[in-house]
Amino acid sequence: MGKKYCKAYYLKDIRKFTDWQENPVEGSDKSSDDDIVYVWDDFTVVKSPVLSGGVVFDRVTPEWKNFCQTTLQFAIPEDLRYAYEDGKEEQSSSESIVREASKASL
């Protein structure tokens, strides 16, 4: 499933995570606490939500997810959750079709 949602945060708030280790971003000056970064729905952190690359943090652990959900209050908004449910239904339908086709060929 592709990334569908991200939320902006000040870097100073993200840096409160005890195991924070920032990846150096090529072509970028040293980051300041007032920089804005984006947490994606897969819990990776990037400098820009529209440009490829620029990954600031990608060590996704249960502790990191918990920090995002409790301290940062990161959550997929209720009105966007349908986009994730539709993806699960499509994947399930595709898998069912493949299973049925496999059974038919036997």
Protein backbone atom coordinates (compact mmCIF):
# COMPACT_ATOMS: atom_id res chain seq x y z
CA MET A 1 0.00 0.00 0.00
CA GLY A 2 1.32 3.44 -0.90
CA LYS A 3 1.60 6.33 1.48
CA LYS A 4 -1.59 8.34 1.67
CA TYR A 5 -1.34 10.64 4.69
CA CYS A 6 1.29 12.72 6.46
CA LYS A 7 1.22 15.36 9.16
CA ALA A 8 3.57 18.31 9.74
CA TYR A 9 5.50 18.80 12.98
CA TYR A 10 8.24 21.08 14.22
CA LEU A 11 11.53 19.21 14.34
CA LYS A 12 11.96 20.30 17.98
CA ASP A 13 8.88 18.21 18.90
CA ILE A 14 10.10 15.16 16.99
CA ARG A 15 13.55 15.40 18.57
CA LYS A 16 12.01 14.74 22.00
CA PHE A 17 11.95 11.03 21.12
CA THR A 18 14.68 9.42 23.25
CA ASP A 19 16.07 7.24 20.44
CA TRP A 20 15.99 9.99 17.80
CA GLN A 21 18.82 9.66 15.28
CA GLU A 22 18.54 12.03 12.36
CA ASN A 23 19.63 10.89 8.91
CA PRO A 24 21.74 13.47 7.08
CA VAL A 25 19.72 14.82 4.14
CA GLU A 26 21.79 15.31 1.01
CA GLY A 27 21.85 18.87 -0.31
CA SER A 28 20.36 20.27 2.88
CA ASP A 29 21.81 22.59 5.49
CA LYS A 30 21.91 21.58 9.13
CA SER A 31 18.37 21.26 10.43
CA SER A 32 17.08 23.60 13.11
CA ASP A 33 14.42 23.01 15.75
CA ASP A 34 12.08 25.36 13.89
CA ASP A 35 12.18 23.32 10.67
CA ILE A 36 8.97 21.59 9.65
CA VAL A 37 9.12 17.85 8.92
CA TYR A 38 6.40 15.38 7.98
CA VAL A 39 5.47 12.07 9.61
CA TRP A 40 3.99 9.64 7.09
CA ASP A 41 1.39 6.98 7.81
CA ASP A 42 4.22 4.40 7.85
CA PHE A 43 5.90 6.49 10.61
CA THR A 44 8.86 7.59 8.50
CA VAL A 45 9.86 11.27 8.73
CA VAL A 46 10.72 13.36 5.66
CA LYS A 47 11.69 16.97 4.92
CA SER A 48 9.12 17.34 2.12
CA PRO A 49 5.88 15.46 1.52
CA VAL A 50 6.07 16.01 -2.25
CA LEU A 51 9.72 15.53 -3.17
CA SER A 52 11.26 12.07 -3.27
CA GLY A 53 14.08 11.36 -0.86
CA GLY A 54 14.79 13.64 2.06
CA VAL A 55 14.22 10.89 4.62
CA VAL A 56 15.09 12.33 8.01
CA PHE A 57 14.18 9.27 10.11
CA ASP A 58 13.24 5.72 9.11
CA ARG A 59 13.99 3.55 12.15
CA VAL A 60 10.40 2.60 12.83
CA THR A 61 10.09 0.69 16.10
CA PRO A 62 7.17 0.01 18.44
CA GLU A 63 8.58 2.72 20.73
CA TRP A 64 8.65 5.24 17.89
CA LYS A 65 5.07 4.40 16.88
CA ASN A 66 3.96 4.79 20.50
CA PHE A 67 5.74 8.17 20.76
CA CYS A 68 4.03 9.36 17.57
CA GLN A 69 0.60 8.22 18.70
CA THR A 70 0.78 9.38 22.33
CA THR A 71 3.16 12.35 22.47
CA LEU A 72 2.62 13.76 18.98
CA GLN A 73 -1.03 12.65 18.79
CA PHE A 74 -0.41 11.29 15.28
CA ALA A 75 -3.42 9.45 13.86
CA ILE A 76 -5.13 9.03 10.52
CA PRO A 77 -8.12 11.43 10.61
CA GLU A 78 -11.47 9.69 10.85
CA ASP A 79 -12.63 11.08 7.50
CA LEU A 80 -9.60 9.59 5.70
CA ARG A 81 -9.68 6.10 7.20
CA TYR A 82 -11.95 4.90 4.40
CA ALA A 83 -8.99 5.19 2.00
CA TYR A 84 -7.14 2.57 4.02
CA GLU A 85 -10.15 0.30 4.36
CA ASP A 86 -10.75 0.39 0.59
CA GLY A 87 -7.15 -0.71 0.03
CA LYS A 88 -7.56 -3.70 2.36
CA GLU A 89 -10.79 -4.73 0.62
CA GLU A 90 -9.17 -4.49 -2.83
CA GLN A 91 -6.20 -6.59 -1.69
CA SER A 92 -8.52 -9.18 -0.14
CA SER A 93 -10.61 -9.34 -3.34
CA SER A 94 -7.49 -9.77 -5.48
CA GLU A 95 -6.24 -12.58 -3.27
CA SER A 96 -9.63 -14.33 -3.46
CA ILE A 97 -9.65 -14.13 -7.26
CA VAL A 98 -6.14 -15.61 -7.44
CA ARG A 99 -7.12 -18.46 -5.09
CA GLU A 100 -10.26 -19.22 -7.10
CA ALA A 101 -8.29 -19.19 -10.36
CA SER A 102 -5.71 -21.56 -8.84
CA LYS A 103 -8.44 -23.97 -7.71
CA ALA A 104 -10.07 -23.89 -11.15
CA SER A 105 -6.82 -24.77 -12.90
CA LEU A 106 -6.35 -27.91 -10.78
